[in-house]
Protein backbone atom coordinates (compact mmCIF):
# COMPACT_ATOMS: atom_id res chain seq x y z
CA MET A 1 38.46 -74.77 -42.92
CA TRP A 2 36.41 -71.82 -44.05
CA GLY A 3 33.79 -72.70 -41.50
CA ASN A 4 36.35 -72.59 -38.71
CA ARG A 5 37.61 -69.19 -39.85
CA LEU A 6 34.10 -67.84 -40.03
CA GLY A 7 33.35 -69.20 -36.58
CA TRP A 8 36.50 -67.72 -35.12
CA GLY A 9 35.73 -64.40 -36.80
CA ILE A 10 32.23 -64.29 -35.36
CA SER A 11 33.57 -65.25 -31.93
CA GLY A 12 36.20 -62.53 -32.14
CA ALA A 13 33.61 -59.96 -33.12
CA ILE A 14 31.43 -60.95 -30.19
CA VAL A 15 34.37 -60.65 -27.80
CA LEU A 16 35.26 -57.20 -29.16
CA PHE A 17 31.64 -56.10 -28.86
CA PHE A 18 31.42 -57.14 -25.23
CA LEU A 19 34.79 -55.54 -24.47
CA PHE A 20 33.48 -52.32 -26.01
CA VAL A 21 30.32 -52.51 -23.91
CA ILE A 22 32.41 -53.07 -20.77
CA TYR A 23 34.56 -50.08 -21.73
CA LEU A 24 31.46 -47.89 -22.12
CA ILE A 25 30.15 -48.98 -18.72
CA ILE A 26 33.48 -48.23 -17.04
CA ALA A 27 33.84 -44.89 -18.86
CA ALA A 28 30.32 -43.87 -17.90
CA GLY A 29 31.18 -44.40 -14.26
CA GLN A 30 34.22 -42.12 -14.36
CA ALA A 31 34.11 -38.36 -13.83
CA SER A 32 34.90 -36.12 -16.79
CA GLU A 33 38.31 -34.47 -17.00
CA PRO A 34 38.65 -30.66 -17.30
CA THR A 35 38.83 -29.26 -20.82
CA LYS A 36 41.00 -26.49 -22.29
CA PHE A 37 38.48 -24.09 -20.80
CA ILE A 38 40.54 -24.34 -17.60
CA ASN A 39 43.52 -22.04 -18.12
CA ALA A 40 45.33 -19.09 -16.53
CA ASN A 41 42.44 -16.74 -17.32
CA THR A 42 39.65 -18.89 -15.93
CA MET A 43 41.71 -19.83 -12.88
CA ALA A 44 42.37 -16.25 -11.79
CA THR A 45 41.11 -13.98 -9.04
CA ILE A 46 38.60 -11.31 -10.05
CA LYS A 47 39.77 -7.73 -9.71
CA VAL A 48 37.77 -4.51 -9.57
CA PRO A 49 39.00 -2.89 -12.81
CA LEU A 50 39.01 0.71 -11.56
CA ASN A 51 40.09 2.86 -8.65
CA ALA A 52 37.09 3.87 -6.56
CA VAL A 53 38.64 7.10 -5.31
CA ASP A 54 39.03 8.28 -8.92
CA VAL A 55 35.25 8.16 -9.19
CA VAL A 56 34.30 9.22 -5.66
CA PRO A 57 37.23 11.28 -4.29
CA SER A 58 35.79 11.18 -0.77
CA MET A 59 35.58 7.38 -0.78
CA THR A 60 38.44 6.94 1.69
CA ASP A 61 36.73 5.90 4.94
CA THR A 62 37.97 2.41 5.83
CA ALA A 63 35.19 1.75 8.35
CA ASP A 64 32.84 -1.10 7.44
CA SER A 65 29.48 0.35 6.33
CA GLU A 66 27.52 -2.85 6.91
CA GLU A 67 25.29 -1.18 9.47
CA GLN A 68 24.07 1.49 7.04
CA TYR A 69 23.26 -1.00 4.31
CA ARG A 70 21.50 -3.39 6.65
CA LEU A 71 19.47 -0.42 7.89
CA ALA A 72 18.50 0.39 4.30
CA ILE A 73 17.42 -3.23 3.72
CA ALA A 74 15.33 -3.26 6.90
CA ASP A 75 13.63 0.06 6.15
CA TYR A 76 12.68 -0.97 2.62
CA LYS A 77 11.17 -4.19 3.91
CA GLN A 78 9.15 -2.25 6.48
CA HIS A 79 8.08 0.59 4.15
CA PRO A 80 8.39 -0.60 0.52
CA THR A 81 5.67 1.73 -0.78
CA ALA A 82 7.62 4.82 0.26
CA TYR A 83 10.46 3.82 -2.05
CA ASP A 84 8.48 2.21 -4.84
CA THR A 85 6.30 5.30 -5.21
CA ILE A 86 9.32 7.51 -5.89
CA ILE A 87 10.56 5.12 -8.56
CA LYS A 88 7.16 4.66 -10.18
CA LYS A 89 5.94 8.26 -10.12
CA ARG A 90 9.35 9.81 -10.81
CA LYS A 91 8.93 12.46 -8.17
CA TYR A 92 9.71 12.92 -4.50
CA ALA A 93 8.80 15.15 -1.59
CA ALA A 94 11.30 16.94 0.64
CA SER A 95 10.50 14.44 3.39
CA ASP A 96 11.62 11.58 1.11
CA LEU A 97 15.19 12.83 1.37
CA LYS A 98 15.05 11.78 5.01
CA LEU A 99 13.98 8.21 4.34
CA PRO A 100 16.33 6.05 6.46
CA GLY A 101 17.38 3.98 3.44
CA VAL A 102 18.17 7.02 1.31
CA LYS A 103 20.11 8.64 4.11
CA ALA A 104 21.96 5.38 4.81
CA LEU A 105 23.23 5.07 1.23
CA LEU A 106 24.34 8.69 1.21
CA ASP A 107 26.11 8.29 4.55
CA ALA A 108 27.83 5.10 3.39
CA ARG A 109 29.09 6.46 0.08
CA LYS A 110 32.44 7.52 1.56
CA SER A 111 33.26 4.09 2.97
CA THR A 112 35.51 1.71 1.06
CA LYS A 113 34.09 -1.59 2.26
CA ALA A 114 30.97 -3.28 3.53
CA THR A 115 30.36 -6.81 4.78
CA ILE A 116 26.78 -6.63 3.57
CA PHE A 117 25.98 -10.34 3.36
CA GLY A 118 29.09 -11.87 4.88
CA ALA A 119 27.41 -12.22 8.26
CA ASN A 120 24.21 -13.51 6.64
CA LEU A 121 25.52 -16.06 4.16
CA ASP A 122 22.23 -17.93 3.83
CA ASP A 123 20.60 -14.78 2.44
CA LEU A 124 22.51 -15.20 -0.82
CA ILE A 125 23.94 -18.70 -0.89
CA ASN A 126 20.84 -20.74 -1.58
CA TYR A 127 18.75 -22.03 -4.48
CA ASP A 128 15.89 -19.58 -4.00
CA ASN A 129 14.98 -17.61 -7.10
CA GLU A 130 14.46 -14.43 -5.10
CA LYS A 131 17.19 -12.99 -2.91
CA ASP A 132 15.02 -10.77 -0.70
CA ASP A 133 17.71 -8.75 1.05
CA LEU A 134 19.67 -8.07 -2.12
CA GLU A 135 16.50 -7.07 -3.96
CA ALA A 136 15.53 -4.74 -1.09
CA LEU A 137 18.93 -3.05 -1.20
CA LEU A 138 18.70 -2.65 -4.97
CA LYS A 139 15.29 -1.03 -4.59
CA VAL A 140 16.77 1.55 -2.25
CA ALA A 141 19.58 2.12 -4.75
CA SER A 142 17.02 2.66 -7.53
CA THR A 143 15.26 5.19 -5.30
CA VAL A 144 18.50 7.06 -4.65
CA LYS A 145 19.28 7.02 -8.37
CA MET A 146 15.81 8.42 -9.21
CA ILE A 147 16.18 11.23 -6.68
CA GLY A 148 19.59 11.99 -8.15
CA LEU A 149 18.14 12.15 -11.67
CA LEU A 150 15.37 14.47 -10.54
CA ARG A 151 17.73 16.72 -8.59
CA ASN A 152 20.12 16.83 -11.52
CA ALA A 153 17.25 17.89 -13.81
CA ASP A 154 16.47 20.67 -11.32
CA LYS A 155 20.16 21.64 -11.34
CA GLU A 156 20.64 20.87 -7.67
CA LYS A 157 24.32 20.98 -6.79
CA ASP A 158 24.18 17.88 -4.60
CA ALA A 159 22.86 15.59 -7.36
CA SER A 160 26.29 14.03 -7.73
CA ASP A 161 26.12 12.85 -4.09
CA TYR A 162 23.28 10.51 -5.05
CA PHE A 163 25.12 9.05 -8.01
CA GLU A 164 28.24 8.64 -5.90
CA ALA A 165 26.10 6.71 -3.39
CA VAL A 166 24.86 4.41 -6.16
CA PHE A 167 28.39 3.84 -7.46
CA SER A 168 29.77 3.27 -3.96
CA LEU A 169 27.19 0.59 -3.16
CA GLY A 170 27.88 -1.10 -6.50
CA TYR A 171 31.60 -1.09 -5.82
CA LYS A 172 31.11 -2.75 -2.44
CA LEU A 173 28.74 -5.39 -3.78
CA TYR A 174 31.32 -6.13 -6.47
CA GLU A 175 34.07 -6.34 -3.88
CA GLU A 176 32.12 -8.68 -1.60
CA ARG A 177 30.78 -10.87 -4.49
CA LEU A 178 29.58 -13.90 -2.60
CA ARG A 179 27.45 -14.79 -5.64
CA PHE A 180 27.58 -13.87 -9.30
CA ASP A 181 24.29 -12.02 -8.93
CA GLU A 182 25.82 -9.78 -6.28
CA LEU A 183 28.80 -8.99 -8.50
CA SER A 184 26.62 -8.47 -11.57
CA ARG A 185 24.25 -6.11 -9.78
CA GLY A 186 27.21 -4.27 -8.30
CA ASP A 187 28.73 -3.89 -11.75
CA GLY A 188 25.44 -2.46 -12.99
CA LEU A 189 25.21 0.05 -10.16
CA MET A 190 28.77 1.20 -10.79
CA GLY A 191 27.84 1.73 -14.43
CA ASP A 192 24.72 3.70 -13.47
CA GLY A 193 26.70 5.97 -11.16
CA LEU A 194 29.49 6.46 -13.67
CA THR A 195 27.10 7.30 -16.50
CA MET A 196 25.49 10.15 -14.58
CA LEU A 197 28.74 11.43 -13.10
CA ILE A 198 30.12 11.60 -16.64
CA GLN A 199 27.12 13.68 -17.72
CA ILE A 200 27.60 16.03 -14.79
CA ALA A 201 31.29 16.46 -15.56
CA ASP A 202 30.53 17.10 -19.25
CA LYS A 203 27.91 19.72 -18.41
CA ALA A 204 30.33 21.41 -16.01
CA GLY A 205 32.96 21.54 -18.75
CA ASN A 206 35.34 19.43 -16.69
CA LYS A 207 36.83 17.55 -19.65
CA THR A 208 39.64 15.96 -17.65
CA ARG A 209 37.29 14.37 -15.12
CA ALA A 210 34.78 13.38 -17.80
CA GLN A 211 37.47 11.61 -19.80
CA ALA A 212 38.85 9.84 -16.73
CA LEU A 213 35.37 8.58 -15.82
CA LYS A 214 34.70 7.46 -19.39
CA GLN A 215 37.94 5.48 -19.36
CA ALA A 216 37.07 3.91 -16.01
CA ASN A 217 33.67 2.88 -17.36
CA ALA A 218 35.22 1.45 -20.54
CA ASP A 219 37.76 -0.54 -18.51
CA LYS A 220 34.96 -1.90 -16.32
CA ILE A 221 32.87 -2.95 -19.31
CA ASN A 222 35.78 -4.62 -21.10
CA TYR A 223 36.88 -6.51 -18.00
CA TYR A 224 33.38 -7.81 -17.38
CA LYS A 225 32.99 -8.90 -20.99
CA ASN A 226 36.36 -10.62 -21.28
CA SER A 227 37.08 -11.97 -17.81
CA ILE A 228 33.71 -12.61 -16.16
CA GLU A 229 31.05 -13.35 -18.78
CA PRO A 230 32.86 -16.36 -20.36
CA ILE A 231 33.17 -18.17 -17.02
CA ASN A 232 29.63 -17.42 -15.92
CA ALA A 233 28.33 -18.58 -19.31
CA VAL A 234 29.69 -22.06 -18.55
CA ILE A 235 28.74 -22.27 -14.88
CA SER A 236 25.23 -20.87 -15.28
CA SER A 237 24.33 -22.60 -18.54
CA ILE A 238 21.37 -24.96 -18.71
CA ASP A 239 21.96 -25.68 -22.40
CA PRO A 240 22.38 -29.49 -22.68
CA THR A 241 25.30 -29.19 -25.11
CA THR A 242 27.26 -26.83 -22.86
CA VAL A 243 26.42 -28.83 -19.75
CA ALA A 244 27.64 -32.05 -21.40
CA VAL A 245 31.01 -30.52 -22.31
CA HIS A 246 31.97 -28.86 -19.02
CA PRO A 247 31.23 -31.02 -15.94
CA GLY A 248 34.96 -31.55 -15.39
CA ASP A 249 35.57 -27.80 -15.63
CA VAL A 250 32.87 -27.06 -13.06
CA MET A 251 34.44 -29.63 -10.75
CA LYS A 252 37.87 -28.04 -11.15
CA LEU A 253 36.52 -24.56 -10.39
CA ALA A 254 34.67 -25.84 -7.35
CA MET A 255 37.76 -27.50 -5.92
CA ASP A 256 40.64 -25.27 -6.97
CA SER A 257 39.62 -21.82 -8.21
CA PRO A 258 41.49 -19.04 -6.40
CA GLU A 259 38.36 -16.91 -6.77
CA ARG A 260 35.89 -17.62 -3.97
CA MET A 261 32.85 -16.48 -5.97
CA TRP A 262 33.58 -18.98 -8.76
CA ARG A 263 34.08 -21.72 -6.19
CA ILE A 264 30.69 -20.93 -4.66
CA GLU A 265 28.93 -20.80 -8.04
CA ALA A 266 30.61 -24.02 -9.18
CA VAL A 267 29.67 -25.81 -5.96
CA MET A 268 26.06 -24.71 -6.41
CA LYS A 269 26.27 -26.05 -9.96
CA LEU A 270 27.53 -29.39 -8.62
CA GLY A 271 24.36 -29.58 -6.54
CA ARG A 272 22.41 -29.58 -9.80
CA GLN A 273 24.87 -31.92 -11.54
CA ARG A 274 24.01 -34.57 -8.98
CA TYR A 275 20.77 -34.95 -10.94
CA TYR A 276 21.29 -33.96 -14.57
CA SER A 277 24.82 -34.78 -15.78
CA GLU A 278 24.82 -37.11 -18.78
CA ARG A 279 27.48 -39.35 -17.27
CA LYS A 280 26.75 -41.29 -14.12
CA GLY A 281 30.35 -40.76 -13.07
CA ASP A 282 29.87 -36.98 -13.05
CA GLN A 283 26.74 -37.31 -10.93
CA LEU A 284 28.54 -39.53 -8.44
CA ALA A 285 31.58 -37.25 -8.36
CA ALA A 286 29.42 -34.17 -7.79
CA ASN A 287 27.64 -35.91 -4.94
CA ARG A 288 30.92 -37.00 -3.39
CA VAL A 289 32.55 -33.55 -3.63
CA VAL A 290 29.67 -31.54 -2.16
CA LYS A 291 29.50 -33.94 0.78
CA GLN A 292 33.24 -33.64 1.28
CA LEU A 293 33.19 -29.83 1.14
CA ALA A 294 30.16 -29.62 3.41
CA LYS A 295 32.13 -31.58 6.00
CA SER A 296 35.67 -30.25 5.74
CA GLU A 297 35.75 -26.91 3.85
CA THR A 298 37.27 -24.10 5.92
CA ASP A 299 35.88 -21.12 3.97
CA PRO A 300 32.45 -20.50 5.58
CA ALA A 301 30.92 -19.18 2.35
CA VAL A 302 32.04 -22.18 0.29
CA LYS A 303 30.95 -24.47 3.10
CA THR A 304 27.49 -22.87 3.08
CA ALA A 305 27.29 -23.46 -0.67
CA ALA A 306 28.34 -27.08 -0.23
CA LYS A 307 25.67 -27.68 2.41
CA ALA A 308 23.02 -26.16 0.15
CA ALA A 309 24.23 -28.33 -2.76
CA ARG A 310 24.32 -31.45 -0.59
CA ASP A 311 20.81 -30.83 0.71
CA LEU A 312 19.26 -30.03 -2.68
CA THR A 313 16.57 -32.65 -3.15
CA ILE A 314 15.34 -34.00 -6.46
CA GLU A 315 11.96 -32.37 -5.75
CA LYS A 316 13.53 -28.94 -5.20
CA TYR A 317 15.77 -29.45 -8.22
CA ARG A 318 12.75 -30.09 -10.45
CA MET A 319 11.16 -26.87 -9.19
CA LEU A 320 14.26 -24.95 -10.28
CA GLN A 321 13.87 -26.00 -13.91
């Protein structure tokens, strides 16, 4: 009798073991569900946390300033030394004020919008480490900022024009935000412009304007810290622990986020998840979704991201690591 019980017990244990193995196989083939990370805050549209005209009162021209910024990009690419020398040597000649890129940023500072990369989506939405056009534009902005600093030190009255130009470009990069890098760099430029405009207002004894600018800068910093950094920390992470927890969240953002930039970043992340997710089901789901979006997505920017994610090869992925 005892032998039979022992035999049945061993048989039962074997059955349970194989059922558990089958469960693990099935579970491994399923995509992860979203976590509590997905909530009203993470599924919200990004907002520029300040009023541009409060910083640059003349920033009221509704014309698209794409042409000026593309001109600045082109001129830097053709004559990088002219700009880099100003930044490196911290000095400029009178002729440098007429550099096409410098003049373009000053001319564009009064505009409220710019489709800088919207007509050239591939310039930003790719897996390249360097974004040449964005970097070129940022170099021109650094040049304009340096000239502003030097003119401010010399007590030139138009120094604020240069800092307004830096802020204005940052605002428009932030507004366009096809990629996180564009938003982040735009946020930084806004901060650079605000910092110097605050100093100018303080020196002029304009306490009301200085306080208003300080509050705008504080609001910008707090918004970035609380509403943007937490989401980017998940999407951009390469930490194995974080990656293992959030594949379902990335999928949810890619499919349903009301914020286009987060959709684009999440889709680009799915391109990587095709190769490195711990669960086979998450790899398969990522592959399926990027193919689906590449075929049927109506937003051209998201569609461009999906095509890049779909076409990311294992060889290119390994080079990204």
